[in-house]
N, C-alpha and C. Protein backbone atom coordinates (compact mmCIF):
# COMPACT_ATOMS: atom_id res chain seq x y z
N MET A 1 9.20 -38.71 6.44
CA MET A 1 9.81 -37.50 6.35
C MET A 1 9.72 -36.67 7.65
N GLU A 2 10.82 -35.98 8.07
CA GLU A 2 10.92 -35.49 9.48
C GLU A 2 10.33 -34.06 9.43
N VAL A 3 9.13 -33.86 10.15
CA VAL A 3 8.59 -32.73 10.27
C VAL A 3 8.48 -32.11 11.62
N LYS A 4 8.90 -30.97 11.88
CA LYS A 4 8.95 -30.50 13.38
C LYS A 4 7.59 -30.03 13.72
N ILE A 5 6.88 -30.74 14.49
CA ILE A 5 5.51 -30.38 14.87
C ILE A 5 5.17 -31.11 16.14
N GLU A 6 4.39 -30.50 16.92
CA GLU A 6 4.02 -31.08 18.24
C GLU A 6 3.68 -32.65 18.20
N LYS A 7 4.15 -33.43 19.28
CA LYS A 7 4.21 -34.91 19.13
C LYS A 7 2.82 -35.60 18.80
N SER A 8 1.64 -34.94 19.33
CA SER A 8 0.41 -35.66 19.24
C SER A 8 0.01 -35.43 17.83
N TRP A 9 0.38 -34.28 17.07
CA TRP A 9 -0.01 -34.20 15.87
C TRP A 9 0.80 -35.02 15.08
N LYS A 10 1.99 -35.12 15.26
CA LYS A 10 3.21 -35.96 14.66
C LYS A 10 2.51 -37.35 14.59
N ARG A 11 2.05 -37.90 15.61
CA ARG A 11 1.50 -39.29 15.63
C ARG A 11 0.27 -39.38 14.71
N GLY A 12 -0.59 -38.47 14.79
CA GLY A 12 -1.88 -38.33 14.31
C GLY A 12 -1.71 -38.28 12.69
N LEU A 13 -0.66 -37.63 12.34
CA LEU A 13 -0.56 -37.25 10.88
C LEU A 13 0.58 -37.95 10.11
N ASN A 14 1.14 -38.89 10.88
CA ASN A 14 2.43 -39.50 10.39
C ASN A 14 2.35 -40.09 8.93
N ARG A 15 1.13 -40.68 8.75
CA ARG A 15 0.81 -41.17 7.37
C ARG A 15 0.93 -40.29 6.29
N VAL A 16 0.44 -38.92 6.61
CA VAL A 16 0.37 -37.84 5.62
C VAL A 16 1.77 -37.35 5.25
N PHE A 17 2.71 -37.34 6.30
CA PHE A 17 4.07 -36.72 6.08
C PHE A 17 4.81 -37.56 5.12
N GLU A 18 4.38 -38.84 4.75
CA GLU A 18 5.10 -39.78 3.94
C GLU A 18 4.47 -39.77 2.57
N GLN A 19 3.55 -39.05 2.22
CA GLN A 19 2.79 -39.10 0.98
C GLN A 19 3.60 -38.12 -0.03
N GLU A 20 3.42 -38.49 -1.28
CA GLU A 20 4.14 -37.76 -2.23
C GLU A 20 3.80 -36.27 -2.41
N TYR A 21 2.44 -36.08 -2.35
CA TYR A 21 2.15 -34.68 -2.42
C TYR A 21 2.64 -33.81 -1.22
N PHE A 22 2.84 -34.31 0.04
CA PHE A 22 3.38 -33.54 1.00
C PHE A 22 4.94 -33.20 0.73
N LYS A 23 5.60 -34.36 0.25
CA LYS A 23 7.01 -34.08 0.10
C LYS A 23 7.17 -33.07 -0.99
N ASN A 24 6.27 -32.99 -1.96
CA ASN A 24 6.46 -31.93 -3.04
C ASN A 24 6.13 -30.63 -2.33
N LEU A 25 5.19 -30.63 -1.60
CA LEU A 25 4.76 -29.32 -0.86
C LEU A 25 5.99 -28.73 -0.14
N VAL A 26 6.69 -29.60 0.58
CA VAL A 26 7.67 -29.11 1.36
C VAL A 26 8.82 -28.56 0.42
N THR A 27 9.12 -29.13 -0.64
CA THR A 27 10.03 -28.77 -1.71
C THR A 27 9.67 -27.32 -2.17
N PHE A 28 8.31 -27.16 -2.48
CA PHE A 28 7.91 -25.90 -2.93
C PHE A 28 8.09 -24.84 -1.98
N VAL A 29 7.62 -25.15 -0.77
CA VAL A 29 7.69 -24.19 0.42
C VAL A 29 9.20 -23.74 0.66
N LYS A 30 10.04 -24.75 0.86
CA LYS A 30 11.48 -24.35 1.00
C LYS A 30 12.04 -23.50 -0.09
N ASP A 31 11.67 -23.73 -1.27
CA ASP A 31 12.31 -22.94 -2.46
C ASP A 31 11.54 -21.50 -2.23
N GLU A 32 10.23 -21.36 -1.88
CA GLU A 32 9.75 -20.21 -1.76
C GLU A 32 10.37 -19.33 -0.88
N TYR A 33 10.74 -19.83 0.34
CA TYR A 33 11.37 -19.02 1.49
C TYR A 33 12.92 -18.82 1.08
N ALA A 34 13.44 -19.69 0.21
CA ALA A 34 14.81 -19.29 -0.06
C ALA A 34 14.84 -18.29 -1.14
N THR A 35 13.85 -18.04 -1.90
CA THR A 35 13.88 -17.12 -3.10
C THR A 35 12.95 -15.93 -3.09
N THR A 36 12.08 -15.93 -2.00
CA THR A 36 11.20 -14.68 -2.09
C THR A 36 10.69 -14.32 -0.54
N ASN A 37 9.94 -13.37 -0.48
CA ASN A 37 9.51 -12.97 1.05
C ASN A 37 8.11 -13.68 1.20
N VAL A 38 8.17 -14.58 2.17
CA VAL A 38 7.04 -15.47 2.66
C VAL A 38 6.53 -15.23 3.88
N TYR A 39 5.23 -15.28 4.33
CA TYR A 39 4.83 -15.25 5.69
C TYR A 39 3.97 -16.42 5.90
N PRO A 40 3.85 -16.92 7.22
CA PRO A 40 4.59 -16.27 8.47
C PRO A 40 6.10 -16.72 8.30
N PRO A 41 7.04 -16.24 9.24
CA PRO A 41 8.33 -16.82 9.35
C PRO A 41 8.24 -18.23 9.52
N GLY A 42 9.28 -18.87 8.98
CA GLY A 42 9.35 -20.32 8.73
C GLY A 42 9.18 -21.13 10.12
N LYS A 43 9.66 -20.62 11.09
CA LYS A 43 9.53 -21.24 12.51
C LYS A 43 8.12 -21.13 12.85
N GLU A 44 7.39 -20.31 12.37
CA GLU A 44 5.98 -20.14 12.87
C GLU A 44 4.75 -20.84 11.95
N ILE A 45 5.28 -21.70 10.99
CA ILE A 45 4.26 -22.16 10.13
C ILE A 45 3.33 -23.11 10.90
N PHE A 46 3.76 -23.80 11.83
CA PHE A 46 2.98 -24.73 12.52
C PHE A 46 2.51 -24.31 14.04
N THR A 47 2.64 -22.95 14.20
CA THR A 47 2.22 -22.34 15.39
C THR A 47 0.90 -22.98 16.00
N ALA A 48 -0.15 -23.01 15.30
CA ALA A 48 -1.37 -23.47 15.68
C ALA A 48 -1.34 -24.81 16.23
N PHE A 49 -0.47 -25.70 15.64
CA PHE A 49 -0.30 -27.07 16.17
C PHE A 49 0.44 -27.27 17.42
N ASN A 50 1.61 -26.23 17.48
CA ASN A 50 2.45 -26.41 18.58
C ASN A 50 1.68 -25.83 19.86
N HIS A 51 0.87 -24.81 19.72
CA HIS A 51 0.06 -24.35 20.91
C HIS A 51 -1.21 -25.12 21.28
N CYS A 52 -1.63 -25.87 20.35
CA CYS A 52 -2.88 -26.66 20.60
C CYS A 52 -2.70 -28.17 20.11
N SER A 53 -2.37 -29.05 21.11
CA SER A 53 -2.10 -30.42 20.70
C SER A 53 -3.39 -30.99 20.14
N LEU A 54 -3.29 -32.04 19.40
CA LEU A 54 -4.44 -32.80 18.95
C LEU A 54 -5.21 -33.26 20.05
N ASP A 55 -4.47 -33.78 21.05
CA ASP A 55 -5.18 -34.18 22.18
C ASP A 55 -5.90 -33.23 23.17
N ALA A 56 -5.80 -31.82 22.84
CA ALA A 56 -6.32 -30.67 23.59
C ALA A 56 -7.36 -30.09 22.81
N VAL A 57 -7.54 -30.39 21.47
CA VAL A 57 -8.45 -29.53 20.75
C VAL A 57 -9.88 -29.47 21.16
N LYS A 58 -10.48 -28.40 21.52
CA LYS A 58 -11.94 -28.33 21.83
C LYS A 58 -12.85 -27.46 20.82
N VAL A 59 -12.04 -26.46 20.17
CA VAL A 59 -12.78 -25.76 19.19
C VAL A 59 -11.87 -25.54 18.04
N VAL A 60 -12.48 -25.63 16.82
CA VAL A 60 -11.56 -25.28 15.45
C VAL A 60 -12.35 -24.11 15.00
N ILE A 61 -11.35 -23.04 14.58
CA ILE A 61 -11.69 -22.01 13.88
C ILE A 61 -10.98 -22.00 12.63
N LEU A 62 -11.58 -22.08 11.45
CA LEU A 62 -10.90 -22.27 10.21
C LEU A 62 -10.76 -20.94 9.37
N GLY A 63 -9.55 -20.42 9.01
CA GLY A 63 -9.35 -19.45 8.19
C GLY A 63 -8.94 -20.01 6.63
N GLN A 64 -8.57 -18.87 5.83
CA GLN A 64 -8.13 -19.41 4.51
C GLN A 64 -6.57 -19.23 4.32
N ASP A 65 -6.27 -18.00 4.15
CA ASP A 65 -4.91 -17.67 3.91
C ASP A 65 -4.21 -16.92 5.07
N PRO A 66 -3.00 -17.23 5.32
CA PRO A 66 -2.33 -16.21 6.28
C PRO A 66 -2.37 -14.85 5.83
N TYR A 67 -2.27 -13.83 6.84
CA TYR A 67 -2.28 -12.44 6.30
C TYR A 67 -0.94 -12.19 5.60
N HIS A 68 -0.95 -11.39 4.38
CA HIS A 68 0.19 -11.28 3.48
C HIS A 68 0.89 -9.99 3.72
N GLY A 69 0.51 -9.15 4.77
CA GLY A 69 1.26 -8.03 5.06
C GLY A 69 2.35 -8.17 6.09
N PRO A 70 3.48 -7.23 6.11
CA PRO A 70 4.57 -7.45 7.14
C PRO A 70 4.22 -7.47 8.48
N GLY A 71 4.64 -8.45 9.40
CA GLY A 71 4.55 -8.61 10.64
C GLY A 71 3.13 -9.01 11.11
N GLN A 72 2.22 -9.50 10.27
CA GLN A 72 0.92 -9.91 10.73
C GLN A 72 0.76 -11.42 10.94
N ALA A 73 1.06 -12.27 9.95
CA ALA A 73 0.88 -13.62 10.27
C ALA A 73 1.91 -14.17 11.01
N HIS A 74 1.31 -15.11 12.13
CA HIS A 74 2.25 -15.83 12.97
C HIS A 74 1.72 -17.20 13.14
N GLY A 75 1.07 -17.76 12.10
CA GLY A 75 0.81 -19.16 12.36
C GLY A 75 -0.54 -19.49 12.89
N LEU A 76 -1.48 -18.51 13.35
CA LEU A 76 -2.63 -18.75 14.05
C LEU A 76 -3.88 -18.03 13.07
N SER A 77 -4.79 -18.62 12.66
CA SER A 77 -5.86 -17.99 11.89
C SER A 77 -6.48 -16.79 12.50
N PHE A 78 -6.50 -15.77 11.79
CA PHE A 78 -7.10 -14.56 12.26
C PHE A 78 -6.35 -13.59 13.33
N SER A 79 -5.21 -14.18 13.91
CA SER A 79 -4.38 -13.57 14.88
C SER A 79 -3.32 -12.82 14.27
N VAL A 80 -2.89 -11.78 15.19
CA VAL A 80 -1.79 -10.85 14.68
C VAL A 80 -1.04 -10.80 16.07
N LYS A 81 0.22 -10.62 16.02
CA LYS A 81 0.98 -10.41 17.16
C LYS A 81 0.84 -9.14 17.97
N PRO A 82 1.21 -8.98 19.19
CA PRO A 82 1.04 -7.80 20.10
C PRO A 82 1.71 -6.55 19.46
N GLY A 83 0.76 -5.35 19.36
CA GLY A 83 1.35 -4.22 18.76
C GLY A 83 0.98 -3.97 17.29
N VAL A 84 0.40 -5.24 16.70
CA VAL A 84 -0.12 -5.02 15.28
C VAL A 84 -1.53 -4.63 15.37
N PRO A 85 -1.82 -3.54 14.49
CA PRO A 85 -3.30 -3.11 14.65
C PRO A 85 -4.21 -4.26 14.19
N TYR A 86 -5.52 -4.38 14.73
CA TYR A 86 -6.46 -5.41 14.43
C TYR A 86 -6.76 -5.42 12.81
N PRO A 87 -6.59 -6.48 12.11
CA PRO A 87 -7.23 -6.52 10.80
C PRO A 87 -8.77 -6.27 10.88
N PRO A 88 -9.58 -6.00 9.67
CA PRO A 88 -10.86 -5.73 9.94
C PRO A 88 -11.69 -7.08 10.44
N SER A 89 -11.41 -8.23 9.85
CA SER A 89 -12.15 -9.47 10.30
C SER A 89 -11.91 -9.74 11.70
N LEU A 90 -10.60 -9.51 12.29
CA LEU A 90 -10.50 -9.67 13.80
C LEU A 90 -11.12 -8.74 14.61
N GLN A 91 -11.19 -7.47 14.09
CA GLN A 91 -11.94 -6.27 14.78
C GLN A 91 -13.39 -6.88 14.95
N ASN A 92 -14.03 -7.39 13.91
CA ASN A 92 -15.39 -7.77 13.96
C ASN A 92 -15.67 -8.94 14.72
N ILE A 93 -14.65 -9.91 14.93
CA ILE A 93 -14.71 -10.96 15.84
C ILE A 93 -14.83 -10.57 17.22
N PHE A 94 -13.86 -9.55 17.59
CA PHE A 94 -13.85 -8.97 18.83
C PHE A 94 -15.28 -8.31 19.22
N LYS A 95 -15.74 -7.45 18.13
CA LYS A 95 -17.03 -6.75 18.44
C LYS A 95 -18.14 -7.89 18.63
N GLU A 96 -18.24 -8.96 18.04
CA GLU A 96 -19.19 -10.02 18.21
C GLU A 96 -19.09 -10.65 19.63
N ILE A 97 -17.80 -10.81 20.14
CA ILE A 97 -17.54 -11.34 21.30
C ILE A 97 -17.97 -10.37 22.61
N GLU A 98 -17.77 -8.93 22.29
CA GLU A 98 -18.11 -7.98 23.17
C GLU A 98 -19.91 -7.93 23.22
N SER A 99 -20.42 -8.13 22.07
CA SER A 99 -21.98 -8.12 22.06
C SER A 99 -22.45 -9.37 22.72
N ASP A 100 -21.67 -10.61 22.49
CA ASP A 100 -22.28 -11.93 22.82
C ASP A 100 -21.93 -12.02 24.26
N LEU A 101 -20.83 -11.70 24.83
CA LEU A 101 -20.41 -12.07 26.05
C LEU A 101 -20.01 -10.95 27.07
N GLY A 102 -20.34 -9.72 26.47
CA GLY A 102 -20.03 -8.58 27.26
C GLY A 102 -18.54 -8.24 27.58
N LYS A 103 -17.65 -8.93 26.92
CA LYS A 103 -16.15 -8.59 27.06
C LYS A 103 -15.71 -7.49 26.16
N PRO A 104 -15.12 -6.60 26.85
CA PRO A 104 -14.38 -5.45 26.06
C PRO A 104 -13.28 -5.92 25.03
N LEU A 105 -13.06 -4.94 24.09
CA LEU A 105 -12.09 -5.49 23.08
C LEU A 105 -10.72 -5.58 23.97
N PRO A 106 -9.92 -6.67 23.54
CA PRO A 106 -8.73 -6.87 24.28
C PRO A 106 -7.62 -5.92 23.90
N ALA A 107 -6.60 -5.89 24.65
CA ALA A 107 -5.41 -4.98 24.37
C ALA A 107 -4.65 -5.32 23.07
N THR A 108 -4.67 -6.64 22.89
CA THR A 108 -3.95 -7.25 21.82
C THR A 108 -4.75 -8.17 20.77
N GLY A 109 -4.45 -8.28 19.61
CA GLY A 109 -4.93 -9.15 18.63
C GLY A 109 -4.38 -10.49 18.64
N ASP A 110 -3.35 -10.79 19.64
CA ASP A 110 -2.79 -12.16 19.59
C ASP A 110 -3.58 -13.19 20.31
N LEU A 111 -4.03 -14.22 19.50
CA LEU A 111 -4.91 -15.09 19.88
C LEU A 111 -4.23 -16.43 20.54
N THR A 112 -2.94 -16.22 20.81
CA THR A 112 -2.21 -17.31 21.26
C THR A 112 -3.00 -17.87 22.74
N ARG A 113 -3.56 -16.85 23.47
CA ARG A 113 -4.36 -17.16 24.58
C ARG A 113 -5.45 -18.24 24.34
N TRP A 114 -6.10 -18.06 23.23
CA TRP A 114 -7.16 -19.05 22.86
C TRP A 114 -6.59 -20.27 22.56
N ALA A 115 -5.40 -20.22 21.66
CA ALA A 115 -4.74 -21.57 21.25
C ALA A 115 -4.28 -22.29 22.48
N ASP A 116 -3.82 -21.72 23.51
CA ASP A 116 -3.55 -22.45 24.76
C ASP A 116 -4.63 -22.99 25.54
N GLN A 117 -5.86 -22.65 25.23
CA GLN A 117 -7.04 -23.19 25.93
C GLN A 117 -7.69 -24.42 25.11
N GLY A 118 -7.04 -24.64 23.98
CA GLY A 118 -7.74 -25.65 23.16
C GLY A 118 -8.56 -25.06 21.74
N VAL A 119 -8.14 -23.99 21.56
CA VAL A 119 -8.74 -23.34 20.32
C VAL A 119 -7.81 -23.57 19.27
N PHE A 120 -8.22 -24.44 18.25
CA PHE A 120 -7.12 -24.67 17.12
C PHE A 120 -7.45 -23.71 15.89
N LEU A 121 -6.50 -22.91 15.72
CA LEU A 121 -6.74 -21.67 14.72
C LEU A 121 -6.02 -21.95 13.39
N LEU A 122 -6.71 -22.71 12.59
CA LEU A 122 -6.10 -23.53 11.36
C LEU A 122 -6.48 -22.54 10.09
N ASN A 123 -5.56 -22.27 9.41
CA ASN A 123 -5.64 -21.73 8.02
C ASN A 123 -5.69 -22.91 7.08
N ALA A 124 -6.43 -22.76 6.13
CA ALA A 124 -6.37 -23.76 5.00
C ALA A 124 -5.07 -23.90 4.32
N THR A 125 -4.45 -22.61 4.14
CA THR A 125 -3.15 -22.65 3.57
C THR A 125 -2.29 -21.99 4.50
N LEU A 126 -1.15 -22.63 4.70
CA LEU A 126 -0.33 -22.09 5.96
C LEU A 126 0.75 -21.24 5.55
N THR A 127 0.94 -20.84 4.38
CA THR A 127 2.07 -20.04 3.81
C THR A 127 1.51 -19.11 2.68
N VAL A 128 2.10 -17.82 2.54
CA VAL A 128 1.74 -17.13 1.39
C VAL A 128 2.86 -16.17 1.21
N ARG A 129 2.96 -15.69 -0.11
CA ARG A 129 3.88 -14.69 -0.66
C ARG A 129 3.43 -13.32 0.07
N ALA A 130 4.46 -12.54 0.34
CA ALA A 130 4.13 -11.12 0.78
C ALA A 130 3.37 -10.34 -0.32
N TYR A 131 2.23 -9.68 0.18
CA TYR A 131 1.24 -9.02 -0.80
C TYR A 131 0.66 -9.73 -1.72
N GLN A 132 0.67 -11.10 -1.65
CA GLN A 132 0.18 -11.73 -2.90
C GLN A 132 -0.88 -12.94 -2.34
N ALA A 133 -1.98 -12.33 -2.09
CA ALA A 133 -3.09 -13.19 -1.40
C ALA A 133 -3.29 -14.43 -2.32
N GLY A 134 -3.52 -15.56 -1.72
CA GLY A 134 -3.65 -16.89 -2.41
C GLY A 134 -2.56 -17.43 -3.17
N SER A 135 -1.40 -16.82 -3.08
CA SER A 135 -0.11 -17.31 -3.99
C SER A 135 0.19 -18.67 -3.58
N HIS A 136 -0.10 -19.24 -2.43
CA HIS A 136 0.40 -20.52 -1.98
C HIS A 136 -0.73 -21.56 -2.02
N GLN A 137 -2.01 -21.17 -2.67
CA GLN A 137 -3.12 -22.14 -2.67
C GLN A 137 -2.87 -23.14 -3.89
N LYS A 138 -3.55 -24.07 -3.63
CA LYS A 138 -3.33 -25.41 -4.62
C LYS A 138 -1.91 -25.89 -4.73
N LYS A 139 -1.15 -25.81 -3.87
CA LYS A 139 0.16 -26.46 -3.97
C LYS A 139 0.38 -27.59 -3.08
N GLY A 140 -0.75 -27.96 -2.29
CA GLY A 140 -0.70 -29.01 -1.41
C GLY A 140 -1.33 -28.81 -0.08
N TRP A 141 -1.31 -27.43 0.30
CA TRP A 141 -1.62 -27.14 1.72
C TRP A 141 -3.08 -27.73 1.97
N GLU A 142 -3.93 -27.37 1.02
CA GLU A 142 -5.51 -27.58 1.45
C GLU A 142 -5.55 -29.20 1.46
N GLU A 143 -4.79 -29.92 0.88
CA GLU A 143 -4.94 -31.46 0.93
C GLU A 143 -4.44 -31.82 2.34
N PHE A 144 -3.39 -31.09 2.80
CA PHE A 144 -2.96 -31.43 4.15
C PHE A 144 -3.92 -30.95 5.13
N THR A 145 -4.33 -29.84 5.08
CA THR A 145 -5.24 -29.21 6.12
C THR A 145 -6.62 -29.94 6.26
N ASP A 146 -7.02 -30.48 5.09
CA ASP A 146 -8.22 -31.32 4.91
C ASP A 146 -8.07 -32.64 5.72
N GLU A 147 -7.00 -33.07 5.63
CA GLU A 147 -6.49 -34.34 6.53
C GLU A 147 -6.37 -33.94 8.04
N VAL A 148 -6.12 -32.83 8.33
CA VAL A 148 -5.95 -32.27 9.80
C VAL A 148 -7.37 -32.30 10.16
N ILE A 149 -8.27 -31.53 9.55
CA ILE A 149 -9.58 -31.66 9.92
C ILE A 149 -10.24 -32.97 10.11
N ARG A 150 -10.05 -33.88 9.05
CA ARG A 150 -10.60 -35.19 9.28
C ARG A 150 -9.99 -35.91 10.52
N THR A 151 -8.73 -35.73 10.74
CA THR A 151 -8.24 -36.29 11.92
C THR A 151 -8.67 -35.85 13.21
N VAL A 152 -8.94 -34.53 13.18
CA VAL A 152 -9.64 -34.01 14.51
C VAL A 152 -11.01 -34.61 14.58
N SER A 153 -11.85 -34.51 13.56
CA SER A 153 -13.15 -35.24 13.47
C SER A 153 -13.08 -36.67 13.99
N ASP A 154 -12.07 -37.45 13.49
CA ASP A 154 -12.14 -38.96 13.66
C ASP A 154 -11.57 -39.24 15.12
N THR A 155 -10.62 -38.59 15.54
CA THR A 155 -9.98 -38.99 16.74
C THR A 155 -10.41 -38.30 18.22
N ARG A 156 -11.27 -37.18 17.85
CA ARG A 156 -11.65 -36.27 19.06
C ARG A 156 -13.16 -36.44 19.15
N ASP A 157 -13.72 -36.20 20.44
CA ASP A 157 -15.09 -36.19 20.57
C ASP A 157 -15.43 -34.77 21.14
N HIS A 158 -16.67 -34.31 20.70
CA HIS A 158 -17.32 -32.94 21.23
C HIS A 158 -16.49 -31.85 20.98
N VAL A 159 -16.07 -31.71 19.72
CA VAL A 159 -15.38 -30.45 19.25
C VAL A 159 -16.35 -29.54 18.69
N VAL A 160 -16.27 -28.25 18.85
CA VAL A 160 -17.00 -27.12 18.20
C VAL A 160 -16.17 -26.81 16.98
N PHE A 161 -16.86 -26.74 15.94
CA PHE A 161 -16.15 -26.29 14.52
C PHE A 161 -16.97 -25.02 14.19
N LEU A 162 -16.25 -23.89 14.14
CA LEU A 162 -16.79 -22.68 13.83
C LEU A 162 -16.40 -22.15 12.42
N LEU A 163 -17.38 -22.32 11.41
CA LEU A 163 -17.19 -22.25 9.99
C LEU A 163 -17.82 -21.08 9.58
N TRP A 164 -16.97 -20.02 9.36
CA TRP A 164 -17.39 -18.75 8.91
C TRP A 164 -17.15 -18.49 7.41
N GLY A 165 -18.15 -18.11 6.72
CA GLY A 165 -18.00 -18.11 5.20
C GLY A 165 -18.07 -19.20 4.40
N SER A 166 -18.35 -19.01 3.13
CA SER A 166 -18.58 -20.34 2.21
C SER A 166 -17.39 -21.23 2.07
N TYR A 167 -16.32 -20.61 2.03
CA TYR A 167 -15.03 -21.38 1.97
C TYR A 167 -14.88 -22.42 3.13
N ALA A 168 -15.00 -21.90 4.25
CA ALA A 168 -14.78 -22.81 5.45
C ALA A 168 -15.95 -23.80 5.58
N GLN A 169 -17.20 -23.35 5.06
CA GLN A 169 -18.33 -24.21 5.18
C GLN A 169 -18.34 -25.34 4.24
N LYS A 170 -17.47 -25.40 3.13
CA LYS A 170 -17.22 -26.50 2.27
C LYS A 170 -16.63 -27.62 3.12
N LYS A 171 -15.97 -27.43 4.15
CA LYS A 171 -15.19 -28.24 4.87
C LYS A 171 -16.17 -29.27 5.77
N THR A 172 -17.40 -28.84 5.79
CA THR A 172 -18.42 -29.73 6.52
C THR A 172 -18.41 -31.14 6.24
N VAL A 173 -18.15 -31.45 5.04
CA VAL A 173 -18.06 -32.74 4.54
C VAL A 173 -16.96 -33.72 5.21
N LEU A 174 -16.07 -33.04 5.86
CA LEU A 174 -14.89 -33.67 6.62
C LEU A 174 -15.15 -33.89 8.07
N ILE A 175 -16.36 -33.42 8.51
CA ILE A 175 -16.64 -33.43 9.92
C ILE A 175 -17.92 -34.37 10.13
N ASP A 176 -17.69 -35.24 11.18
CA ASP A 176 -18.92 -36.10 11.67
C ASP A 176 -19.70 -35.27 12.60
N ALA A 177 -20.76 -34.65 12.00
CA ALA A 177 -21.77 -34.01 12.84
C ALA A 177 -22.43 -34.74 13.94
N LYS A 178 -22.43 -35.88 13.83
CA LYS A 178 -22.97 -36.63 14.85
C LYS A 178 -22.45 -36.60 16.24
N LYS A 179 -21.05 -36.31 16.31
CA LYS A 179 -20.44 -36.24 17.56
C LYS A 179 -19.64 -35.02 17.74
N HIS A 180 -19.93 -33.99 16.99
CA HIS A 180 -19.40 -32.69 17.12
C HIS A 180 -20.42 -31.73 16.84
N LEU A 181 -20.21 -30.42 17.33
CA LEU A 181 -21.00 -29.44 16.91
C LEU A 181 -20.48 -28.50 15.87
N VAL A 182 -21.18 -28.22 14.78
CA VAL A 182 -20.67 -27.57 13.68
C VAL A 182 -21.80 -26.32 13.54
N LEU A 183 -21.10 -24.87 13.68
CA LEU A 183 -21.81 -23.73 13.77
C LEU A 183 -21.35 -23.02 12.53
N LYS A 184 -22.32 -22.50 11.88
CA LYS A 184 -21.88 -21.78 10.59
C LYS A 184 -22.54 -20.23 10.62
N ALA A 185 -21.69 -19.27 10.00
CA ALA A 185 -22.14 -18.03 9.97
C ALA A 185 -21.34 -17.44 8.73
N PRO A 186 -21.85 -16.30 8.20
CA PRO A 186 -21.11 -15.42 7.19
C PRO A 186 -19.55 -15.15 7.71
N HIS A 187 -18.68 -14.85 6.90
CA HIS A 187 -17.40 -14.55 7.27
C HIS A 187 -17.45 -13.19 8.09
N PRO A 188 -16.41 -13.07 8.99
CA PRO A 188 -16.57 -11.81 9.72
C PRO A 188 -15.89 -10.45 8.95
N SER A 189 -15.57 -10.70 7.79
CA SER A 189 -14.86 -9.55 7.01
C SER A 189 -15.88 -8.51 6.98
N PRO A 190 -15.53 -7.30 6.74
CA PRO A 190 -16.56 -6.08 6.42
C PRO A 190 -17.56 -6.25 5.42
N LEU A 191 -17.19 -7.15 4.48
CA LEU A 191 -18.02 -7.31 3.25
C LEU A 191 -19.18 -8.21 3.61
N SER A 192 -19.08 -9.11 4.56
CA SER A 192 -20.20 -10.01 4.86
C SER A 192 -20.80 -10.05 6.49
N SER A 193 -19.95 -9.32 7.36
CA SER A 193 -20.23 -9.39 8.75
C SER A 193 -21.64 -8.96 8.95
N TYR A 194 -22.13 -8.09 8.39
CA TYR A 194 -23.62 -7.61 8.57
C TYR A 194 -24.73 -8.58 8.11
N ARG A 195 -24.30 -9.63 7.32
CA ARG A 195 -25.19 -10.52 6.76
C ARG A 195 -25.36 -11.70 7.71
N GLY A 196 -25.04 -11.73 8.95
CA GLY A 196 -25.40 -12.62 9.94
C GLY A 196 -24.15 -13.07 10.74
N PHE A 197 -23.00 -12.62 10.59
CA PHE A 197 -21.88 -12.88 11.66
C PHE A 197 -22.20 -12.17 12.82
N PHE A 198 -22.53 -10.84 12.67
CA PHE A 198 -22.92 -10.27 14.01
C PHE A 198 -24.28 -10.69 14.35
N GLY A 199 -24.29 -11.14 15.65
CA GLY A 199 -25.38 -11.66 16.29
C GLY A 199 -25.42 -13.25 16.06
N CYS A 200 -24.40 -13.85 15.69
CA CYS A 200 -24.25 -15.35 15.56
C CYS A 200 -24.31 -15.95 16.97
N ARG A 201 -23.72 -15.23 17.98
CA ARG A 201 -23.44 -15.68 19.21
C ARG A 201 -22.64 -17.18 19.14
N HIS A 202 -21.78 -17.30 18.31
CA HIS A 202 -20.93 -18.47 18.25
C HIS A 202 -20.18 -18.72 19.51
N PHE A 203 -19.73 -17.67 20.19
CA PHE A 203 -18.80 -17.84 21.25
C PHE A 203 -19.66 -18.37 22.50
N SER A 204 -20.59 -17.80 22.80
CA SER A 204 -21.39 -18.23 23.97
C SER A 204 -22.07 -19.86 23.56
N LYS A 205 -22.40 -20.01 22.21
CA LYS A 205 -22.99 -21.42 22.02
C LYS A 205 -21.75 -22.30 22.06
N ALA A 206 -20.49 -22.11 21.73
CA ALA A 206 -19.57 -22.80 21.84
C ALA A 206 -19.35 -23.34 23.36
N ASN A 207 -19.31 -22.38 24.29
CA ASN A 207 -19.08 -22.60 25.56
C ASN A 207 -20.30 -23.28 26.28
N GLU A 208 -21.58 -23.03 25.76
CA GLU A 208 -22.59 -23.75 26.31
C GLU A 208 -22.55 -25.28 26.06
N TYR A 209 -21.94 -25.50 24.79
CA TYR A 209 -21.82 -27.11 24.27
C TYR A 209 -20.84 -27.65 25.02
N LEU A 210 -19.65 -27.00 25.20
CA LEU A 210 -18.45 -27.42 25.92
C LEU A 210 -18.92 -27.93 27.39
N GLU A 211 -19.57 -26.98 28.14
CA GLU A 211 -19.96 -27.10 29.46
C GLU A 211 -20.89 -28.35 29.53
N ALA A 212 -21.90 -28.34 28.57
CA ALA A 212 -22.79 -29.62 28.51
C ALA A 212 -22.08 -30.91 28.46
N LYS A 213 -21.00 -30.90 27.85
CA LYS A 213 -20.25 -32.17 27.77
C LYS A 213 -19.09 -32.43 28.89
N GLY A 214 -19.31 -31.44 29.84
CA GLY A 214 -18.46 -31.47 30.99
C GLY A 214 -16.97 -31.13 30.78
N LEU A 215 -16.84 -30.17 29.74
CA LEU A 215 -15.42 -29.61 29.34
C LEU A 215 -15.39 -28.12 29.84
N GLU A 216 -14.30 -27.76 30.08
CA GLU A 216 -14.10 -26.33 30.62
C GLU A 216 -14.42 -25.42 29.38
N PRO A 217 -15.11 -24.35 29.49
CA PRO A 217 -15.27 -23.45 28.56
C PRO A 217 -14.19 -22.48 28.16
N ILE A 218 -14.26 -21.84 27.10
CA ILE A 218 -13.13 -20.99 26.72
C ILE A 218 -13.23 -19.70 27.22
N ASN A 219 -12.04 -19.11 27.67
CA ASN A 219 -12.13 -17.54 28.16
C ASN A 219 -11.87 -16.95 26.89
N TRP A 220 -12.95 -16.35 26.26
CA TRP A 220 -12.65 -15.68 25.01
C TRP A 220 -12.22 -14.25 25.23
């Protein structure tokens, strides 16, 4: 099956694109875009992959669903386009960076700048109906993104996995912790951020690990 995705991901995931569940997923997603309002825009479904090639992954940040409000989701977990107000979880991420690294809140919530440095901003589900959180769960996306995480773990060395919240932490079983760094904390949402996301210092810890392995740190 022909999937428009960055070439190193295409090579790494080629076996997946031929599987029956993925073909069924494509049919479902195409039908949803044709008949209802779905986010992100179709051409942005694989933004995370196209801005951060498999060969370049240094850090993985795992989200769950894309944002389901208008103009928010653009294919990078937690990120919003310039001019869109920070959603609460993203605001808390920036607060933790400010506390951890002394960096002021940025002018925009667009995390493309991270993706271009090797931060792979992956949602477990890559599409969602407008205003219907979780509406595209259990349609095949999770099976696909589990394979993506497995592929990163198997083919890369010294990747930092930032797993925030219980949903993301269930993905630990897909990761070889002997050759990667897995950091866990509560989710940055207002409901749980005060239970240990604030003060987790994941951003400085990630950079310390990368530098110790001879890799360029991330300019968060």
